[in-house]
Amino acid sequence: MRESPFFSTLFDSYFIALGVLLGGSLIGGLAAFLTGKPPLTEIFRLSNALRIWAIVAAIGGTFDAVYSFERGLLQGETRDIVKQLLLILAALGGAQTGALLINWLTQEHIS
């Protein structure tokens, strides 16, 4: 199996985290509406709760990240450590972008 180019994987990581956060929050808001809860409040709450899961989904699970760090530290492959850190930062950026969009959409942070 041929490895995909790093920059496309970086973009994938960003947009997967963004999609998980937006999709999970908005579908959860629909479920809140159907069950009689306030949907915008639930969307805001879900966006805060789903951040870590969006990051984990974007980097492909935690075991790959741990394995890359182990290989980088024990076998001296620092390139793998840098790549993994950049993928995690891209996932963090995607999750943060999604959370900001949800905050702007719901206006729940304004009292």
N, C-alpha and C. Protein backbone atom coordinates (compact mmCIF):
# COMPACT_ATOMS: atom_id res chain seq x y z
N MET A 1 0.84 -1.18 0.00
CA MET A 1 0.00 0.00 0.00
C MET A 1 0.88 1.24 0.00
N ARG A 2 0.60 2.15 -0.89
CA ARG A 2 1.39 3.36 -1.03
C ARG A 2 0.93 4.40 -0.01
N GLU A 3 1.90 5.02 0.65
CA GLU A 3 1.59 6.03 1.65
C GLU A 3 1.17 7.33 0.97
N SER A 4 0.13 7.98 1.49
CA SER A 4 -0.34 9.22 0.89
C SER A 4 0.62 10.35 1.23
N PRO A 5 0.67 11.38 0.39
CA PRO A 5 1.55 12.52 0.67
C PRO A 5 1.18 13.18 2.00
N PHE A 6 2.18 13.73 2.64
CA PHE A 6 1.98 14.26 3.99
C PHE A 6 1.00 15.42 4.02
N PHE A 7 1.10 16.35 3.06
CA PHE A 7 0.24 17.53 3.12
C PHE A 7 -1.23 17.19 2.91
N SER A 8 -1.51 16.18 2.10
CA SER A 8 -2.91 15.78 1.96
C SER A 8 -3.41 15.14 3.25
N THR A 9 -2.54 14.41 3.93
CA THR A 9 -2.90 13.83 5.23
C THR A 9 -3.12 14.94 6.26
N LEU A 10 -2.33 16.00 6.18
CA LEU A 10 -2.48 17.14 7.08
C LEU A 10 -3.85 17.81 6.87
N PHE A 11 -4.23 18.03 5.61
CA PHE A 11 -5.54 18.62 5.32
C PHE A 11 -6.67 17.68 5.74
N ASP A 12 -6.48 16.40 5.50
CA ASP A 12 -7.47 15.41 5.94
C ASP A 12 -7.69 15.50 7.44
N SER A 13 -6.61 15.59 8.19
CA SER A 13 -6.69 15.65 9.64
C SER A 13 -7.49 16.87 10.09
N TYR A 14 -7.22 18.02 9.47
CA TYR A 14 -7.93 19.26 9.82
C TYR A 14 -9.43 19.11 9.54
N PHE A 15 -9.76 18.67 8.35
CA PHE A 15 -11.17 18.65 7.96
C PHE A 15 -11.94 17.50 8.59
N ILE A 16 -11.28 16.41 8.92
CA ILE A 16 -11.97 15.34 9.64
C ILE A 16 -12.37 15.82 11.03
N ALA A 17 -11.45 16.50 11.72
CA ALA A 17 -11.78 17.04 13.05
C ALA A 17 -12.91 18.07 12.95
N LEU A 18 -12.84 18.92 11.95
CA LEU A 18 -13.89 19.92 11.74
C LEU A 18 -15.23 19.24 11.47
N GLY A 19 -15.23 18.24 10.63
CA GLY A 19 -16.47 17.54 10.29
C GLY A 19 -17.07 16.76 11.44
N VAL A 20 -16.22 16.11 12.21
CA VAL A 20 -16.72 15.36 13.37
C VAL A 20 -17.38 16.32 14.36
N LEU A 21 -16.74 17.44 14.61
CA LEU A 21 -17.28 18.38 15.59
C LEU A 21 -18.58 19.02 15.08
N LEU A 22 -18.58 19.50 13.85
CA LEU A 22 -19.79 20.13 13.32
C LEU A 22 -20.93 19.12 13.15
N GLY A 23 -20.62 17.99 12.57
CA GLY A 23 -21.65 16.98 12.33
C GLY A 23 -22.23 16.43 13.62
N GLY A 24 -21.36 16.09 14.56
CA GLY A 24 -21.84 15.55 15.84
C GLY A 24 -22.68 16.55 16.61
N SER A 25 -22.25 17.80 16.60
CA SER A 25 -22.99 18.83 17.34
C SER A 25 -24.34 19.12 16.70
N LEU A 26 -24.35 19.25 15.39
CA LEU A 26 -25.61 19.59 14.71
C LEU A 26 -26.61 18.43 14.74
N ILE A 27 -26.15 17.21 14.56
CA ILE A 27 -27.05 16.07 14.65
C ILE A 27 -27.54 15.90 16.09
N GLY A 28 -26.66 16.14 17.05
CA GLY A 28 -27.08 16.11 18.45
C GLY A 28 -28.11 17.19 18.76
N GLY A 29 -27.97 18.35 18.12
CA GLY A 29 -28.96 19.42 18.27
C GLY A 29 -30.31 19.03 17.69
N LEU A 30 -30.28 18.28 16.59
CA LEU A 30 -31.53 17.78 16.02
C LEU A 30 -32.20 16.79 16.98
N ALA A 31 -31.40 15.94 17.59
CA ALA A 31 -31.95 15.00 18.58
C ALA A 31 -32.51 15.75 19.78
N ALA A 32 -31.84 16.82 20.20
CA ALA A 32 -32.34 17.62 21.32
C ALA A 32 -33.68 18.24 20.96
N PHE A 33 -33.81 18.73 19.74
CA PHE A 33 -35.07 19.32 19.29
C PHE A 33 -36.19 18.28 19.32
N LEU A 34 -35.88 17.08 18.84
CA LEU A 34 -36.90 16.02 18.79
C LEU A 34 -37.31 15.54 20.17
N THR A 35 -36.44 15.71 21.16
CA THR A 35 -36.78 15.27 22.52
C THR A 35 -37.24 16.41 23.42
N GLY A 36 -37.37 17.60 22.88
CA GLY A 36 -37.91 18.71 23.64
C GLY A 36 -36.89 19.52 24.44
N LYS A 37 -35.63 19.30 24.23
CA LYS A 37 -34.58 20.09 24.90
C LYS A 37 -34.26 21.31 24.05
N PRO A 38 -33.65 22.34 24.63
CA PRO A 38 -33.27 23.51 23.83
C PRO A 38 -32.12 23.16 22.87
N PRO A 39 -32.36 23.21 21.56
CA PRO A 39 -31.36 22.72 20.60
C PRO A 39 -30.07 23.52 20.58
N LEU A 40 -30.13 24.85 20.64
CA LEU A 40 -28.90 25.64 20.56
C LEU A 40 -28.02 25.43 21.78
N THR A 41 -28.63 25.31 22.94
CA THR A 41 -27.86 25.04 24.15
C THR A 41 -27.20 23.67 24.06
N GLU A 42 -27.92 22.70 23.54
CA GLU A 42 -27.38 21.35 23.40
C GLU A 42 -26.27 21.29 22.36
N ILE A 43 -26.42 22.03 21.26
CA ILE A 43 -25.37 22.09 20.24
C ILE A 43 -24.09 22.66 20.84
N PHE A 44 -24.22 23.73 21.63
CA PHE A 44 -23.06 24.35 22.27
C PHE A 44 -22.41 23.37 23.25
N ARG A 45 -23.21 22.70 24.04
CA ARG A 45 -22.67 21.74 25.02
C ARG A 45 -21.97 20.58 24.32
N LEU A 46 -22.58 20.09 23.26
CA LEU A 46 -21.97 18.97 22.53
C LEU A 46 -20.67 19.36 21.84
N SER A 47 -20.59 20.59 21.36
CA SER A 47 -19.35 21.02 20.70
C SER A 47 -18.19 21.03 21.69
N ASN A 48 -18.46 21.37 22.93
CA ASN A 48 -17.40 21.32 23.95
C ASN A 48 -17.05 19.89 24.32
N ALA A 49 -18.04 19.01 24.34
CA ALA A 49 -17.79 17.63 24.74
C ALA A 49 -17.14 16.80 23.63
N LEU A 50 -17.34 17.17 22.39
CA LEU A 50 -16.84 16.38 21.27
C LEU A 50 -15.44 16.77 20.80
N ARG A 51 -14.85 17.80 21.36
CA ARG A 51 -13.54 18.26 20.86
C ARG A 51 -12.48 17.17 20.90
N ILE A 52 -12.32 16.52 22.03
CA ILE A 52 -11.27 15.52 22.14
C ILE A 52 -11.53 14.34 21.21
N TRP A 53 -12.80 13.98 21.03
CA TRP A 53 -13.12 12.85 20.14
C TRP A 53 -12.89 13.22 18.69
N ALA A 54 -13.11 14.47 18.34
CA ALA A 54 -12.82 14.93 16.97
C ALA A 54 -11.32 14.84 16.69
N ILE A 55 -10.51 15.19 17.67
CA ILE A 55 -9.06 15.12 17.50
C ILE A 55 -8.61 13.68 17.37
N VAL A 56 -9.13 12.81 18.23
CA VAL A 56 -8.76 11.39 18.18
C VAL A 56 -9.19 10.77 16.85
N ALA A 57 -10.37 11.11 16.38
CA ALA A 57 -10.83 10.57 15.09
C ALA A 57 -9.96 11.08 13.95
N ALA A 58 -9.52 12.32 14.03
CA ALA A 58 -8.73 12.90 12.95
C ALA A 58 -7.34 12.31 12.85
N ILE A 59 -6.73 11.98 13.98
CA ILE A 59 -5.37 11.43 13.92
C ILE A 59 -5.39 9.92 13.75
N GLY A 60 -6.55 9.33 13.66
CA GLY A 60 -6.66 7.91 13.37
C GLY A 60 -6.53 7.01 14.56
N GLY A 61 -6.88 7.48 15.70
CA GLY A 61 -6.77 6.67 16.91
C GLY A 61 -5.48 6.97 17.65
N THR A 62 -5.44 6.63 18.89
CA THR A 62 -4.30 7.00 19.72
C THR A 62 -3.12 6.06 19.57
N PHE A 63 -3.32 4.82 19.16
CA PHE A 63 -2.21 3.87 19.10
C PHE A 63 -1.23 4.21 17.98
N ASP A 64 -1.71 4.71 16.85
CA ASP A 64 -0.80 5.12 15.79
C ASP A 64 0.08 6.28 16.23
N ALA A 65 -0.51 7.22 16.95
CA ALA A 65 0.28 8.36 17.43
C ALA A 65 1.34 7.92 18.43
N VAL A 66 0.97 7.02 19.33
CA VAL A 66 1.92 6.52 20.32
C VAL A 66 3.03 5.73 19.63
N TYR A 67 2.67 4.93 18.65
CA TYR A 67 3.67 4.14 17.93
C TYR A 67 4.65 5.06 17.18
N SER A 68 4.14 6.14 16.57
CA SER A 68 5.02 7.07 15.86
C SER A 68 5.97 7.77 16.82
N PHE A 69 5.47 8.15 17.99
CA PHE A 69 6.35 8.77 18.99
C PHE A 69 7.41 7.78 19.47
N GLU A 70 6.99 6.53 19.69
CA GLU A 70 7.94 5.52 20.15
C GLU A 70 9.03 5.30 19.11
N ARG A 71 8.63 5.17 17.86
CA ARG A 71 9.60 4.97 16.79
C ARG A 71 10.53 6.17 16.67
N GLY A 72 9.98 7.35 16.84
CA GLY A 72 10.81 8.54 16.76
C GLY A 72 11.81 8.66 17.89
N LEU A 73 11.40 8.29 19.08
CA LEU A 73 12.29 8.40 20.23
C LEU A 73 13.30 7.27 20.30
N LEU A 74 12.84 6.03 20.12
CA LEU A 74 13.72 4.89 20.31
C LEU A 74 14.57 4.56 19.10
N GLN A 75 14.08 4.86 17.91
CA GLN A 75 14.85 4.54 16.71
C GLN A 75 15.48 5.77 16.08
N GLY A 76 15.31 6.92 16.72
CA GLY A 76 15.95 8.14 16.25
C GLY A 76 15.33 8.75 15.00
N GLU A 77 14.10 8.41 14.72
CA GLU A 77 13.43 8.97 13.54
C GLU A 77 12.63 10.21 13.96
N THR A 78 13.33 11.32 14.07
CA THR A 78 12.68 12.55 14.53
C THR A 78 11.69 13.09 13.50
N ARG A 79 11.86 12.71 12.27
CA ARG A 79 10.93 13.15 11.23
C ARG A 79 9.51 12.68 11.53
N ASP A 80 9.39 11.45 12.05
CA ASP A 80 8.06 10.91 12.41
C ASP A 80 7.44 11.69 13.56
N ILE A 81 8.25 12.10 14.52
CA ILE A 81 7.73 12.89 15.65
C ILE A 81 7.19 14.23 15.15
N VAL A 82 7.94 14.89 14.27
CA VAL A 82 7.51 16.19 13.75
C VAL A 82 6.23 16.03 12.94
N LYS A 83 6.16 15.00 12.11
CA LYS A 83 4.95 14.77 11.32
C LYS A 83 3.74 14.52 12.22
N GLN A 84 3.93 13.71 13.25
CA GLN A 84 2.81 13.40 14.16
C GLN A 84 2.37 14.65 14.91
N LEU A 85 3.33 15.47 15.34
CA LEU A 85 2.97 16.71 16.02
C LEU A 85 2.20 17.65 15.09
N LEU A 86 2.61 17.72 13.84
CA LEU A 86 1.88 18.57 12.88
C LEU A 86 0.48 18.04 12.62
N LEU A 87 0.32 16.72 12.56
CA LEU A 87 -1.02 16.15 12.38
C LEU A 87 -1.92 16.45 13.58
N ILE A 88 -1.34 16.36 14.78
CA ILE A 88 -2.12 16.67 15.98
C ILE A 88 -2.49 18.15 16.00
N LEU A 89 -1.56 19.02 15.62
CA LEU A 89 -1.87 20.46 15.56
C LEU A 89 -2.94 20.77 14.52
N ALA A 90 -2.91 20.08 13.38
CA ALA A 90 -3.94 20.28 12.37
C ALA A 90 -5.30 19.83 12.90
N ALA A 91 -5.33 18.70 13.61
CA ALA A 91 -6.59 18.22 14.20
C ALA A 91 -7.09 19.19 15.27
N LEU A 92 -6.17 19.71 16.08
CA LEU A 92 -6.56 20.72 17.08
C LEU A 92 -7.13 21.96 16.40
N GLY A 93 -6.52 22.37 15.30
CA GLY A 93 -7.03 23.53 14.56
C GLY A 93 -8.41 23.28 13.99
N GLY A 94 -8.64 22.09 13.45
CA GLY A 94 -9.96 21.77 12.91
C GLY A 94 -11.02 21.74 13.99
N ALA A 95 -10.68 21.17 15.14
CA ALA A 95 -11.64 21.13 16.26
C ALA A 95 -11.91 22.53 16.79
N GLN A 96 -10.87 23.36 16.85
CA GLN A 96 -11.06 24.73 17.34
C GLN A 96 -11.90 25.55 16.35
N THR A 97 -11.67 25.36 15.06
CA THR A 97 -12.47 26.06 14.05
C THR A 97 -13.94 25.66 14.16
N GLY A 98 -14.18 24.37 14.32
CA GLY A 98 -15.56 23.90 14.48
C GLY A 98 -16.21 24.47 15.73
N ALA A 99 -15.46 24.52 16.83
CA ALA A 99 -16.01 25.07 18.07
C ALA A 99 -16.31 26.57 17.91
N LEU A 100 -15.45 27.29 17.22
CA LEU A 100 -15.72 28.72 16.98
C LEU A 100 -16.96 28.92 16.11
N LEU A 101 -17.11 28.08 15.09
CA LEU A 101 -18.30 28.19 14.25
C LEU A 101 -19.57 27.90 15.05
N ILE A 102 -19.51 26.91 15.90
CA ILE A 102 -20.66 26.59 16.75
C ILE A 102 -20.94 27.74 17.72
N ASN A 103 -19.89 28.32 18.30
CA ASN A 103 -20.09 29.47 19.19
C ASN A 103 -20.74 30.63 18.47
N TRP A 104 -20.31 30.91 17.25
CA TRP A 104 -20.91 31.99 16.47
C TRP A 104 -22.34 31.66 16.10
N LEU A 105 -22.61 30.41 15.79
CA LEU A 105 -23.96 30.00 15.40
C LEU A 105 -24.94 30.08 16.56
N THR A 106 -24.53 29.59 17.71
CA THR A 106 -25.47 29.48 18.83
C THR A 106 -25.54 30.73 19.70
N GLN A 107 -24.47 31.50 19.76
CA GLN A 107 -24.39 32.68 20.62
C GLN A 107 -24.66 32.34 22.09
N GLU A 108 -24.33 31.12 22.50
CA GLU A 108 -24.59 30.68 23.88
C GLU A 108 -23.60 31.27 24.87
N HIS A 109 -22.46 31.72 24.40
CA HIS A 109 -21.46 32.28 25.31
C HIS A 109 -21.79 33.70 25.73
N ILE A 110 -22.79 34.31 25.11
CA ILE A 110 -23.21 35.67 25.44
C ILE A 110 -24.34 35.60 26.45
N SER A 111 -24.16 36.25 27.58
CA SER A 111 -25.20 36.19 28.63
C SER A 111 -26.10 37.40 28.56
